Amino acid sequence: MRYVKWAFWGIIAAVVAAFFHYTLPQQDIVRITDTFEKRVDYGSNSIFWADANTGNATGTTNRDVFFIQSIRENGKPMVYRNEDTGWGWPPYFKFDTNNLQARASDLKSTSANPQWVQVTHYGWRNEFLSTFPNAVGLKGVSGPDVTSIPWLNIIILALVFALFWAIRVRWLRFRRRRIDPMLENVEDSYDRSRFARWREERRAK
């Protein structure tokens, strides 16, 4: 039973970690090689795209999406989509897709004369599911070895941990004051009833 409990909480922890890893912003240092626009038909992977109704007619099953092609320092390619998030989830409130695409086009460079760019994004790149991280910000940097401290992620995770800890402390306090005494009373009543029945049986003999 203990292993089942640990497995359950392990699955919950993995789901929560995956949620935050997908949703929170991440930064990549890349060299932008191309920008283009492509019509996308949504299928089983539609959950990994922005709300289809953001800036489009309700019920749209496909639409044109901006993409940004790039190369990492190690030579591996990375492709980002560039979609508005609108007022939906995740709450990036992004409405400047066209401006971001223009900025990406202006930052294109070649391997002979690279211009390194810090791309802020959320989401995952999965070739099997044809999913792409969504770029939400671009910034030119001096080189591929530039590092930045994810202050926003640290603050959000700290607040979530503090909220979880506060809820847990209050639950333990509530259980200790209300539930545990009630269970003890039930157990005492059960023990007394068993003892009373035992005495009655002894007397009957």
N, C-alpha and C. Protein backbone atom coordinates (compact mmCIF):
# COMPACT_ATOMS: atom_id res chain seq x y z
N MET A 1 0.82 -1.21 0.00
CA MET A 1 0.00 0.00 0.00
C MET A 1 0.86 1.26 0.00
N ARG A 2 1.98 1.18 0.71
CA ARG A 2 2.87 2.33 0.77
C ARG A 2 3.43 2.66 -0.61
N TYR A 3 3.74 1.61 -1.40
CA TYR A 3 4.27 1.84 -2.75
C TYR A 3 3.21 2.47 -3.65
N VAL A 4 1.96 2.07 -3.48
CA VAL A 4 0.88 2.67 -4.26
C VAL A 4 0.75 4.15 -3.93
N LYS A 5 0.86 4.46 -2.65
CA LYS A 5 0.78 5.86 -2.22
C LYS A 5 1.90 6.69 -2.82
N TRP A 6 3.14 6.16 -2.75
CA TRP A 6 4.27 6.89 -3.31
C TRP A 6 4.16 7.02 -4.83
N ALA A 7 3.65 5.97 -5.49
CA ALA A 7 3.46 6.04 -6.94
C ALA A 7 2.43 7.11 -7.29
N PHE A 8 1.35 7.17 -6.52
CA PHE A 8 0.31 8.19 -6.76
C PHE A 8 0.88 9.59 -6.64
N TRP A 9 1.59 9.86 -5.54
CA TRP A 9 2.15 11.19 -5.35
C TRP A 9 3.28 11.48 -6.34
N GLY A 10 3.98 10.43 -6.78
CA GLY A 10 5.00 10.62 -7.82
C GLY A 10 4.38 11.06 -9.13
N ILE A 11 3.25 10.46 -9.49
CA ILE A 11 2.55 10.85 -10.71
C ILE A 11 2.04 12.28 -10.61
N ILE A 12 1.47 12.63 -9.45
CA ILE A 12 0.98 14.00 -9.25
C ILE A 12 2.13 15.00 -9.39
N ALA A 13 3.28 14.68 -8.77
CA ALA A 13 4.44 15.58 -8.85
C ALA A 13 4.93 15.73 -10.28
N ALA A 14 4.94 14.62 -11.04
CA ALA A 14 5.38 14.67 -12.44
C ALA A 14 4.45 15.53 -13.28
N VAL A 15 3.14 15.40 -13.05
CA VAL A 15 2.17 16.21 -13.80
C VAL A 15 2.34 17.69 -13.48
N VAL A 16 2.50 18.01 -12.21
CA VAL A 16 2.69 19.41 -11.81
C VAL A 16 3.98 19.98 -12.40
N ALA A 17 5.06 19.19 -12.35
CA ALA A 17 6.35 19.64 -12.90
C ALA A 17 6.24 19.86 -14.41
N ALA A 18 5.56 18.95 -15.11
CA ALA A 18 5.38 19.10 -16.56
C ALA A 18 4.55 20.34 -16.88
N PHE A 19 3.51 20.59 -16.07
CA PHE A 19 2.67 21.78 -16.28
C PHE A 19 3.50 23.06 -16.18
N PHE A 20 4.30 23.17 -15.12
CA PHE A 20 5.09 24.39 -14.96
C PHE A 20 6.20 24.48 -16.00
N HIS A 21 6.80 23.35 -16.37
CA HIS A 21 7.85 23.38 -17.38
C HIS A 21 7.30 23.84 -18.73
N TYR A 22 6.07 23.45 -19.04
CA TYR A 22 5.46 23.86 -20.31
C TYR A 22 5.02 25.32 -20.26
N THR A 23 4.50 25.76 -19.12
CA THR A 23 3.85 27.06 -19.03
C THR A 23 4.80 28.21 -18.74
N LEU A 24 5.78 27.99 -17.89
CA LEU A 24 6.67 29.09 -17.49
C LEU A 24 7.62 29.47 -18.63
N PRO A 25 8.03 30.73 -18.69
CA PRO A 25 8.91 31.18 -19.77
C PRO A 25 10.31 30.59 -19.66
N GLN A 26 10.89 30.30 -20.82
CA GLN A 26 12.26 29.81 -20.91
C GLN A 26 13.01 30.66 -21.93
N GLN A 27 14.32 30.70 -21.81
CA GLN A 27 15.14 31.49 -22.73
C GLN A 27 16.12 30.58 -23.48
N ASP A 28 16.19 30.77 -24.78
CA ASP A 28 17.16 30.08 -25.63
C ASP A 28 18.03 31.14 -26.32
N ILE A 29 19.30 30.84 -26.49
CA ILE A 29 20.19 31.69 -27.27
C ILE A 29 20.39 31.01 -28.62
N VAL A 30 19.93 31.66 -29.68
CA VAL A 30 19.95 31.06 -31.01
C VAL A 30 20.35 32.11 -32.05
N ARG A 31 20.56 31.59 -33.25
CA ARG A 31 20.78 32.46 -34.41
C ARG A 31 19.60 32.26 -35.36
N ILE A 32 18.85 33.32 -35.62
CA ILE A 32 17.67 33.22 -36.48
C ILE A 32 18.10 33.12 -37.93
N THR A 33 17.60 32.11 -38.62
CA THR A 33 17.99 31.89 -40.02
C THR A 33 16.88 32.24 -41.00
N ASP A 34 15.62 32.14 -40.56
CA ASP A 34 14.52 32.42 -41.50
C ASP A 34 13.23 32.63 -40.71
N THR A 35 12.30 33.34 -41.34
CA THR A 35 10.95 33.50 -40.82
C THR A 35 9.98 33.23 -41.95
N PHE A 36 8.87 32.60 -41.64
CA PHE A 36 7.89 32.30 -42.68
C PHE A 36 6.50 32.15 -42.08
N GLU A 37 5.52 32.07 -42.96
CA GLU A 37 4.13 31.90 -42.56
C GLU A 37 3.58 30.65 -43.22
N LYS A 38 2.83 29.86 -42.46
CA LYS A 38 2.33 28.58 -42.96
C LYS A 38 0.92 28.34 -42.44
N ARG A 39 0.07 27.79 -43.31
CA ARG A 39 -1.29 27.44 -42.88
C ARG A 39 -1.25 26.12 -42.13
N VAL A 40 -1.84 26.14 -40.95
CA VAL A 40 -1.83 24.98 -40.07
C VAL A 40 -3.24 24.45 -39.90
N ASP A 41 -3.41 23.14 -40.12
CA ASP A 41 -4.67 22.45 -39.87
C ASP A 41 -4.57 21.76 -38.52
N TYR A 42 -5.50 22.06 -37.63
CA TYR A 42 -5.43 21.52 -36.28
C TYR A 42 -6.03 20.13 -36.22
N GLY A 43 -5.35 19.27 -35.47
CA GLY A 43 -5.81 17.90 -35.28
C GLY A 43 -5.76 17.53 -33.82
N SER A 44 -5.21 16.34 -33.56
CA SER A 44 -5.15 15.85 -32.18
C SER A 44 -4.18 16.66 -31.32
N ASN A 45 -3.29 17.45 -31.95
CA ASN A 45 -2.32 18.24 -31.19
C ASN A 45 -2.78 19.68 -30.99
N SER A 46 -4.07 19.95 -31.20
CA SER A 46 -4.57 21.32 -31.11
C SER A 46 -4.39 21.93 -29.73
N ILE A 47 -4.28 21.08 -28.70
CA ILE A 47 -4.09 21.59 -27.34
C ILE A 47 -2.76 22.33 -27.19
N PHE A 48 -1.79 22.01 -28.07
CA PHE A 48 -0.47 22.63 -27.99
C PHE A 48 -0.37 23.91 -28.82
N TRP A 49 -1.49 24.37 -29.38
CA TRP A 49 -1.50 25.61 -30.14
C TRP A 49 -2.32 26.64 -29.37
N ALA A 50 -2.12 27.91 -29.71
CA ALA A 50 -2.89 28.96 -29.06
C ALA A 50 -4.36 28.82 -29.43
N ASP A 51 -5.21 29.47 -28.65
CA ASP A 51 -6.65 29.41 -28.89
C ASP A 51 -6.94 29.81 -30.33
N ALA A 52 -7.62 28.93 -31.04
CA ALA A 52 -7.89 29.17 -32.46
C ALA A 52 -8.76 30.39 -32.68
N ASN A 53 -9.48 30.87 -31.65
CA ASN A 53 -10.37 32.01 -31.79
C ASN A 53 -9.69 33.34 -31.51
N THR A 54 -8.41 33.30 -31.15
CA THR A 54 -7.69 34.54 -30.87
C THR A 54 -7.40 35.26 -32.18
N GLY A 55 -8.17 36.32 -32.44
CA GLY A 55 -7.98 37.07 -33.67
C GLY A 55 -8.53 36.40 -34.90
N ASN A 56 -9.33 35.34 -34.75
CA ASN A 56 -9.90 34.63 -35.88
C ASN A 56 -11.38 34.39 -35.64
N ALA A 57 -12.05 33.99 -36.69
CA ALA A 57 -13.47 33.70 -36.57
C ALA A 57 -13.69 32.49 -35.68
N THR A 58 -14.78 32.51 -34.93
CA THR A 58 -15.08 31.41 -34.04
C THR A 58 -15.28 30.13 -34.83
N GLY A 59 -14.71 29.03 -34.32
CA GLY A 59 -14.87 27.74 -34.99
C GLY A 59 -13.84 27.47 -36.06
N THR A 60 -12.80 28.30 -36.15
CA THR A 60 -11.77 28.10 -37.16
C THR A 60 -11.01 26.81 -36.91
N THR A 61 -10.86 25.99 -37.97
CA THR A 61 -10.13 24.73 -37.84
C THR A 61 -8.71 24.83 -38.39
N ASN A 62 -8.41 25.91 -39.10
CA ASN A 62 -7.04 26.13 -39.57
C ASN A 62 -6.81 27.63 -39.71
N ARG A 63 -5.56 27.99 -39.71
CA ARG A 63 -5.22 29.40 -39.89
C ARG A 63 -3.75 29.53 -40.22
N ASP A 64 -3.36 30.71 -40.67
CA ASP A 64 -1.96 30.98 -40.97
C ASP A 64 -1.21 31.29 -39.68
N VAL A 65 -0.06 30.65 -39.52
CA VAL A 65 0.74 30.82 -38.31
C VAL A 65 2.15 31.24 -38.71
N PHE A 66 2.70 32.22 -37.99
CA PHE A 66 4.08 32.62 -38.21
C PHE A 66 5.03 31.63 -37.54
N PHE A 67 6.18 31.40 -38.18
CA PHE A 67 7.21 30.54 -37.62
C PHE A 67 8.56 31.24 -37.69
N ILE A 68 9.44 30.89 -36.75
CA ILE A 68 10.79 31.43 -36.70
C ILE A 68 11.76 30.26 -36.67
N GLN A 69 12.60 30.15 -37.68
CA GLN A 69 13.61 29.09 -37.74
C GLN A 69 14.92 29.61 -37.16
N SER A 70 15.61 28.75 -36.44
CA SER A 70 16.86 29.19 -35.81
C SER A 70 17.82 28.02 -35.67
N ILE A 71 19.05 28.35 -35.33
CA ILE A 71 20.11 27.37 -35.10
C ILE A 71 20.77 27.68 -33.76
N ARG A 72 20.92 26.64 -32.93
CA ARG A 72 21.60 26.82 -31.65
C ARG A 72 23.12 26.88 -31.87
N GLU A 73 23.83 27.19 -30.80
CA GLU A 73 25.29 27.26 -30.89
C GLU A 73 25.88 25.91 -31.27
N ASN A 74 25.25 24.82 -30.81
CA ASN A 74 25.76 23.48 -31.12
C ASN A 74 25.37 22.98 -32.50
N GLY A 75 24.70 23.83 -33.28
CA GLY A 75 24.33 23.47 -34.64
C GLY A 75 22.97 22.81 -34.78
N LYS A 76 22.29 22.54 -33.68
CA LYS A 76 20.98 21.90 -33.75
C LYS A 76 19.90 22.94 -34.08
N PRO A 77 18.96 22.59 -34.96
CA PRO A 77 17.90 23.53 -35.31
C PRO A 77 16.82 23.62 -34.24
N MET A 78 16.17 24.76 -34.18
CA MET A 78 15.03 24.96 -33.30
C MET A 78 14.03 25.85 -34.04
N VAL A 79 12.79 25.40 -34.08
CA VAL A 79 11.73 26.15 -34.76
C VAL A 79 10.71 26.59 -33.73
N TYR A 80 10.35 27.86 -33.78
CA TYR A 80 9.35 28.42 -32.88
C TYR A 80 8.13 28.85 -33.68
N ARG A 81 6.98 28.72 -33.07
CA ARG A 81 5.79 29.35 -33.64
C ARG A 81 5.66 30.73 -33.02
N ASN A 82 4.90 31.58 -33.67
CA ASN A 82 4.71 32.95 -33.20
C ASN A 82 3.22 33.26 -33.26
N GLU A 83 2.53 32.99 -32.15
CA GLU A 83 1.08 33.17 -32.08
C GLU A 83 0.70 34.10 -30.93
N ASP A 84 -0.39 34.83 -31.13
CA ASP A 84 -0.96 35.58 -30.02
C ASP A 84 -1.58 34.63 -29.01
N THR A 85 -1.42 34.94 -27.74
CA THR A 85 -2.11 34.16 -26.70
C THR A 85 -3.41 34.84 -26.28
N GLY A 86 -3.55 36.13 -26.60
CA GLY A 86 -4.77 36.84 -26.22
C GLY A 86 -4.96 36.86 -24.72
N TRP A 87 -6.21 36.67 -24.31
CA TRP A 87 -6.55 36.67 -22.89
C TRP A 87 -6.62 35.25 -22.33
N GLY A 88 -6.21 34.26 -23.15
CA GLY A 88 -6.32 32.87 -22.72
C GLY A 88 -5.11 32.40 -21.94
N TRP A 89 -5.00 31.07 -21.86
CA TRP A 89 -3.92 30.44 -21.11
C TRP A 89 -2.84 29.95 -22.06
N PRO A 90 -1.58 30.09 -21.75
CA PRO A 90 -1.02 30.72 -20.54
C PRO A 90 -1.19 32.25 -20.58
N PRO A 91 -1.23 32.89 -19.44
CA PRO A 91 -1.56 34.32 -19.39
C PRO A 91 -0.39 35.24 -19.74
N TYR A 92 0.06 35.15 -20.99
CA TYR A 92 1.13 36.04 -21.44
C TYR A 92 0.57 37.33 -22.04
N PHE A 93 -0.74 37.33 -22.36
CA PHE A 93 -1.41 38.50 -22.91
C PHE A 93 -0.63 39.05 -24.11
N LYS A 94 -0.30 38.15 -25.00
CA LYS A 94 0.50 38.52 -26.17
C LYS A 94 -0.41 38.89 -27.33
N PHE A 95 -0.25 40.11 -27.85
CA PHE A 95 -1.05 40.59 -28.97
C PHE A 95 -0.18 41.16 -30.09
N ASP A 96 1.15 41.04 -29.96
CA ASP A 96 2.06 41.71 -30.90
C ASP A 96 2.76 40.74 -31.84
N THR A 97 2.03 39.72 -32.30
CA THR A 97 2.64 38.70 -33.16
C THR A 97 3.30 39.31 -34.39
N ASN A 98 2.62 40.23 -35.07
CA ASN A 98 3.18 40.82 -36.29
C ASN A 98 4.45 41.61 -36.00
N ASN A 99 4.45 42.35 -34.91
CA ASN A 99 5.65 43.11 -34.54
C ASN A 99 6.81 42.18 -34.21
N LEU A 100 6.50 41.09 -33.50
CA LEU A 100 7.56 40.14 -33.15
C LEU A 100 8.13 39.47 -34.39
N GLN A 101 7.26 39.18 -35.37
CA GLN A 101 7.74 38.57 -36.60
C GLN A 101 8.63 39.53 -37.38
N ALA A 102 8.26 40.80 -37.39
CA ALA A 102 9.10 41.80 -38.06
C ALA A 102 10.46 41.92 -37.36
N ARG A 103 10.43 41.87 -36.04
CA ARG A 103 11.68 41.93 -35.28
C ARG A 103 12.54 40.71 -35.57
N ALA A 104 11.93 39.53 -35.65
CA ALA A 104 12.67 38.31 -35.95
C ALA A 104 13.30 38.38 -37.34
N SER A 105 12.56 38.91 -38.31
CA SER A 105 13.10 39.03 -39.67
C SER A 105 14.29 39.98 -39.69
N ASP A 106 14.23 41.02 -38.87
CA ASP A 106 15.32 41.99 -38.82
C ASP A 106 16.57 41.41 -38.16
N LEU A 107 16.40 40.38 -37.32
CA LEU A 107 17.52 39.80 -36.59
C LEU A 107 18.12 38.58 -37.28
N LYS A 108 17.70 38.28 -38.50
CA LYS A 108 18.27 37.13 -39.22
C LYS A 108 19.75 37.35 -39.50
N SER A 109 20.49 36.25 -39.46
CA SER A 109 21.93 36.34 -39.73
C SER A 109 22.42 35.02 -40.29
N THR A 110 23.67 35.02 -40.72
CA THR A 110 24.29 33.82 -41.30
C THR A 110 25.34 33.28 -40.34
N SER A 111 25.80 32.07 -40.62
CA SER A 111 26.83 31.46 -39.79
C SER A 111 28.16 32.21 -39.90
N ALA A 112 28.38 32.87 -41.04
CA ALA A 112 29.62 33.62 -41.23
C ALA A 112 29.63 34.90 -40.39
N ASN A 113 28.46 35.49 -40.20
CA ASN A 113 28.35 36.72 -39.42
C ASN A 113 27.14 36.60 -38.49
N PRO A 114 27.27 35.80 -37.43
CA PRO A 114 26.10 35.50 -36.60
C PRO A 114 25.66 36.67 -35.72
N GLN A 115 24.35 36.80 -35.59
CA GLN A 115 23.73 37.71 -34.61
C GLN A 115 22.94 36.84 -33.64
N TRP A 116 23.42 36.76 -32.42
CA TRP A 116 22.78 35.88 -31.44
C TRP A 116 21.59 36.59 -30.79
N VAL A 117 20.54 35.80 -30.61
CA VAL A 117 19.27 36.34 -30.12
C VAL A 117 18.78 35.49 -28.95
N GLN A 118 18.31 36.16 -27.92
CA GLN A 118 17.66 35.45 -26.81
C GLN A 118 16.16 35.38 -27.09
N VAL A 119 15.67 34.18 -27.27
CA VAL A 119 14.25 33.95 -27.55
C VAL A 119 13.57 33.51 -26.25
N THR A 120 12.62 34.29 -25.80
CA THR A 120 11.80 33.90 -24.65
C THR A 120 10.57 33.18 -25.17
N HIS A 121 10.29 32.02 -24.62
CA HIS A 121 9.19 31.20 -25.15
C HIS A 121 8.61 30.35 -24.05
N TYR A 122 7.49 29.74 -24.36
CA TYR A 122 6.93 28.69 -23.51
C TYR A 122 6.54 27.53 -24.42
N GLY A 123 6.36 26.35 -23.85
CA GLY A 123 5.96 25.19 -24.64
C GLY A 123 7.12 24.28 -24.97
N TRP A 124 6.81 23.24 -25.74
CA TRP A 124 7.78 22.21 -26.08
C TRP A 124 7.88 22.03 -27.58
N ARG A 125 9.06 21.59 -28.02
CA ARG A 125 9.26 21.17 -29.41
C ARG A 125 9.22 19.66 -29.44
N ASN A 126 8.26 19.11 -30.18
CA ASN A 126 8.12 17.67 -30.32
C ASN A 126 7.87 17.36 -31.78
N GLU A 127 8.86 16.74 -32.43
CA GLU A 127 8.74 16.46 -33.86
C GLU A 127 7.66 15.42 -34.14
N PHE A 128 7.49 14.46 -33.23
CA PHE A 128 6.49 13.40 -33.45
C PHE A 128 5.07 13.97 -33.42
N LEU A 129 4.82 14.89 -32.49
CA LEU A 129 3.49 15.50 -32.36
C LEU A 129 3.36 16.79 -33.17
N SER A 130 4.44 17.22 -33.82
CA SER A 130 4.46 18.48 -34.59
C SER A 130 4.04 19.66 -33.72
N THR A 131 4.66 19.77 -32.56
CA THR A 131 4.39 20.90 -31.67
C THR A 131 5.63 21.80 -31.61
N PHE A 132 5.38 23.08 -31.40
CA PHE A 132 6.46 24.07 -31.40
C PHE A 132 6.29 25.00 -30.20
N PRO A 133 7.39 25.39 -29.57
CA PRO A 133 7.29 26.41 -28.51
C PRO A 133 6.86 27.74 -29.11
N ASN A 134 6.12 28.50 -28.34
CA ASN A 134 5.60 29.79 -28.81
C ASN A 134 6.51 30.91 -28.34
N ALA A 135 7.10 31.63 -29.27
CA ALA A 135 7.99 32.75 -28.93
C ALA A 135 7.16 33.93 -28.43
N VAL A 136 7.56 34.50 -27.31
CA VAL A 136 6.85 35.65 -26.75
C VAL A 136 7.75 36.88 -26.63
N GLY A 137 9.04 36.72 -26.89
CA GLY A 137 9.94 37.85 -26.81
C GLY A 137 11.27 37.57 -27.48
N LEU A 138 11.89 38.62 -28.04
CA LEU A 138 13.19 38.51 -28.70
C LEU A 138 14.09 39.64 -28.21
N LYS A 139 15.36 39.31 -28.05
CA LYS A 139 16.33 40.33 -27.64
C LYS A 139 17.70 39.95 -28.15
N GLY A 140 18.34 40.88 -28.86
CA GLY A 140 19.69 40.64 -29.33
C GLY A 140 20.67 40.60 -28.17
N VAL A 141 21.62 39.66 -28.21
CA VAL A 141 22.61 39.52 -27.15
C VAL A 141 24.00 39.50 -27.77
N SER A 142 25.00 39.65 -26.93
CA SER A 142 26.37 39.77 -27.41
C SER A 142 26.98 38.45 -27.87
N GLY A 143 26.49 37.33 -27.36
CA GLY A 143 27.07 36.05 -27.74
C GLY A 143 26.25 34.89 -27.22
N PRO A 144 26.62 33.67 -27.64
CA PRO A 144 25.85 32.49 -27.25
C PRO A 144 26.05 32.06 -25.80
N ASP A 145 27.05 32.65 -25.12
CA ASP A 145 27.33 32.25 -23.75
C ASP A 145 26.64 33.15 -22.72
N VAL A 146 25.76 34.02 -23.18
CA VAL A 146 25.04 34.92 -22.28
C VAL A 146 24.07 34.11 -21.42
N THR A 147 24.04 34.39 -20.15
CA THR A 147 23.11 33.72 -19.24
C THR A 147 22.23 34.76 -18.55
N SER A 148 21.03 34.35 -18.20
CA SER A 148 20.11 35.24 -17.50
C SER A 148 19.44 34.48 -16.37
N ILE A 149 19.17 35.18 -15.29
CA ILE A 149 18.51 34.56 -14.14
C ILE A 149 17.00 34.63 -14.34
N PRO A 150 16.31 33.50 -14.29
CA PRO A 150 14.84 33.49 -14.50
C PRO A 150 14.09 33.98 -13.27
N TRP A 151 14.15 35.28 -13.02
CA TRP A 151 13.55 35.82 -11.80
C TRP A 151 12.05 35.56 -11.74
N LEU A 152 11.37 35.70 -12.87
CA LEU A 152 9.92 35.49 -12.88
C LEU A 152 9.57 34.06 -12.47
N ASN A 153 10.30 33.10 -13.03
CA ASN A 153 10.06 31.70 -12.66
C ASN A 153 10.32 31.46 -11.17
N ILE A 154 11.40 32.05 -10.67
CA ILE A 154 11.74 31.88 -9.26
C ILE A 154 10.64 32.45 -8.37
N ILE A 155 10.13 33.64 -8.71
CA ILE A 155 9.08 34.27 -7.91
C ILE A 155 7.80 33.45 -7.95
N ILE A 156 7.40 33.01 -9.16
CA ILE A 156 6.16 32.23 -9.29
C ILE A 156 6.26 30.92 -8.52
N LEU A 157 7.36 30.20 -8.69
CA LEU A 157 7.52 28.92 -7.99
C LEU A 157 7.58 29.12 -6.48
N ALA A 158 8.22 30.21 -6.04
CA ALA A 158 8.28 30.49 -4.60
C ALA A 158 6.88 30.77 -4.05
N LEU A 159 6.08 31.53 -4.80
CA LEU A 159 4.71 31.81 -4.36
C LEU A 159 3.86 30.55 -4.33
N VAL A 160 4.02 29.70 -5.35
CA VAL A 160 3.26 28.44 -5.38
C VAL A 160 3.66 27.55 -4.21
N PHE A 161 4.96 27.46 -3.95
CA PHE A 161 5.43 26.65 -2.82
C PHE A 161 4.90 27.21 -1.50
N ALA A 162 4.93 28.54 -1.36
CA ALA A 162 4.42 29.15 -0.12
C ALA A 162 2.93 28.87 0.05
N LEU A 163 2.18 28.95 -1.05
CA LEU A 163 0.75 28.65 -0.97
C LEU A 163 0.51 27.19 -0.59
N PHE A 164 1.25 26.29 -1.22
CA PHE A 164 1.11 24.87 -0.90
C PHE A 164 1.46 24.61 0.56
N TRP A 165 2.54 25.23 1.03
CA TRP A 165 2.97 25.02 2.41
C TRP A 165 1.93 25.55 3.39
N ALA A 166 1.35 26.73 3.07
CA ALA A 166 0.34 27.31 3.95
C ALA A 166 -0.90 26.41 4.01
N ILE A 167 -1.32 25.89 2.87
CA ILE A 167 -2.49 25.00 2.84
C ILE A 167 -2.20 23.73 3.63
N ARG A 168 -1.00 23.18 3.45
CA ARG A 168 -0.64 21.95 4.16
C ARG A 168 -0.61 22.16 5.67
N VAL A 169 -0.01 23.28 6.11
CA VAL A 169 0.05 23.56 7.54
C VAL A 169 -1.34 23.71 8.13
N ARG A 170 -2.21 24.42 7.42
CA ARG A 170 -3.57 24.61 7.92
C ARG A 170 -4.36 23.30 7.92
N TRP A 171 -4.13 22.46 6.93
CA TRP A 171 -4.81 21.16 6.90
C TRP A 171 -4.36 20.28 8.06
N LEU A 172 -3.05 20.23 8.31
CA LEU A 172 -2.55 19.43 9.42
C LEU A 172 -3.08 19.94 10.76
N ARG A 173 -3.16 21.26 10.87
CA ARG A 173 -3.68 21.85 12.11
C ARG A 173 -5.17 21.51 12.28
N PHE A 174 -5.91 21.61 11.17
CA PHE A 174 -7.34 21.28 11.22
C PHE A 174 -7.54 19.80 11.56
N ARG A 175 -6.73 18.94 10.94
CA ARG A 175 -6.87 17.51 11.21
C ARG A 175 -6.52 17.19 12.66
N ARG A 176 -5.49 17.83 13.18
CA ARG A 176 -5.07 17.57 14.56
C ARG A 176 -6.12 18.06 15.56
N ARG A 177 -6.79 19.17 15.24
CA ARG A 177 -7.75 19.74 16.19
C ARG A 177 -9.15 19.15 16.04
N ARG A 178 -9.54 18.80 14.83
CA ARG A 178 -10.92 18.39 14.61
C ARG A 178 -11.08 16.91 14.25
N ILE A 179 -10.32 16.44 13.28
CA ILE A 179 -10.54 15.09 12.77
C ILE A 179 -9.96 14.03 13.70
N ASP A 180 -8.71 14.23 14.14
CA ASP A 180 -8.09 13.22 15.01
C ASP A 180 -8.87 12.99 16.30
N PRO A 181 -9.31 14.05 17.02
CA PRO A 181 -10.12 13.80 18.22
C PRO A 181 -11.42 13.06 17.91
N MET A 182 -12.03 13.37 16.76
CA MET A 182 -13.26 12.69 16.38
C MET A 182 -13.01 11.21 16.15
N LEU A 183 -11.91 10.89 15.45
CA LEU A 183 -11.57 9.49 15.21
C LEU A 183 -11.24 8.78 16.51
N GLU A 184 -10.55 9.48 17.41
CA GLU A 184 -10.24 8.87 18.70
C GLU A 184 -11.52 8.57 19.49
N ASN A 185 -12.49 9.48 19.43
CA ASN A 185 -13.76 9.25 20.11
C ASN A 185 -14.49 8.05 19.53
N VAL A 186 -14.44 7.94 18.18
CA VAL A 186 -15.09 6.80 17.54
C VAL A 186 -14.41 5.50 17.96
N GLU A 187 -13.07 5.51 17.99
CA GLU A 187 -12.34 4.30 18.40
C GLU A 187 -12.63 3.96 19.87
N ASP A 188 -12.68 4.98 20.72
CA ASP A 188 -12.98 4.73 22.14
C ASP A 188 -14.38 4.16 22.31
N SER A 189 -15.33 4.72 21.55
CA SER A 189 -16.70 4.21 21.64
C SER A 189 -16.77 2.77 21.16
N TYR A 190 -16.03 2.48 20.08
CA TYR A 190 -16.02 1.12 19.56
C TYR A 190 -15.39 0.16 20.57
N ASP A 191 -14.29 0.59 21.20
CA ASP A 191 -13.64 -0.27 22.20
C ASP A 191 -14.56 -0.49 23.41
N ARG A 192 -15.25 0.57 23.84
CA ARG A 192 -16.15 0.41 24.98
C ARG A 192 -17.30 -0.52 24.66
N SER A 193 -17.82 -0.41 23.44
CA SER A 193 -18.93 -1.29 23.06
C SER A 193 -18.46 -2.74 22.97
N ARG A 194 -17.24 -2.95 22.47
CA ARG A 194 -16.71 -4.31 22.42
C ARG A 194 -16.53 -4.86 23.83
N PHE A 195 -16.01 -4.02 24.73
CA PHE A 195 -15.82 -4.47 26.11
C PHE A 195 -17.15 -4.77 26.79
N ALA A 196 -18.15 -3.92 26.49
CA ALA A 196 -19.47 -4.16 27.08
C ALA A 196 -20.06 -5.47 26.57
N ARG A 197 -19.90 -5.72 25.28
CA ARG A 197 -20.41 -6.99 24.74
C ARG A 197 -19.68 -8.18 25.36
N TRP A 198 -18.37 -8.03 25.55
CA TRP A 198 -17.59 -9.12 26.15
C TRP A 198 -18.06 -9.41 27.57
N ARG A 199 -18.34 -8.34 28.34
CA ARG A 199 -18.83 -8.53 29.70
C ARG A 199 -20.20 -9.21 29.71
N GLU A 200 -21.05 -8.81 28.78
CA GLU A 200 -22.37 -9.44 28.71
C GLU A 200 -22.25 -10.92 28.37
N GLU A 201 -21.32 -11.22 27.46
CA GLU A 201 -21.12 -12.63 27.10
C GLU A 201 -20.59 -13.42 28.29
N ARG A 202 -19.69 -12.83 29.06
CA ARG A 202 -19.15 -13.50 30.24
C ARG A 202 -20.24 -13.75 31.27
N ARG A 203 -21.12 -12.78 31.46
CA ARG A 203 -22.18 -12.94 32.43
C ARG A 203 -23.18 -14.01 31.98
N ALA A 204 -23.39 -14.04 30.65
CA ALA A 204 -24.35 -15.03 30.14
C ALA A 204 -23.85 -16.44 30.36
N LYS A 205 -22.53 -16.60 30.39
CA LYS A 205 -21.98 -17.94 30.61
C LYS A 205 -22.07 -18.32 32.09
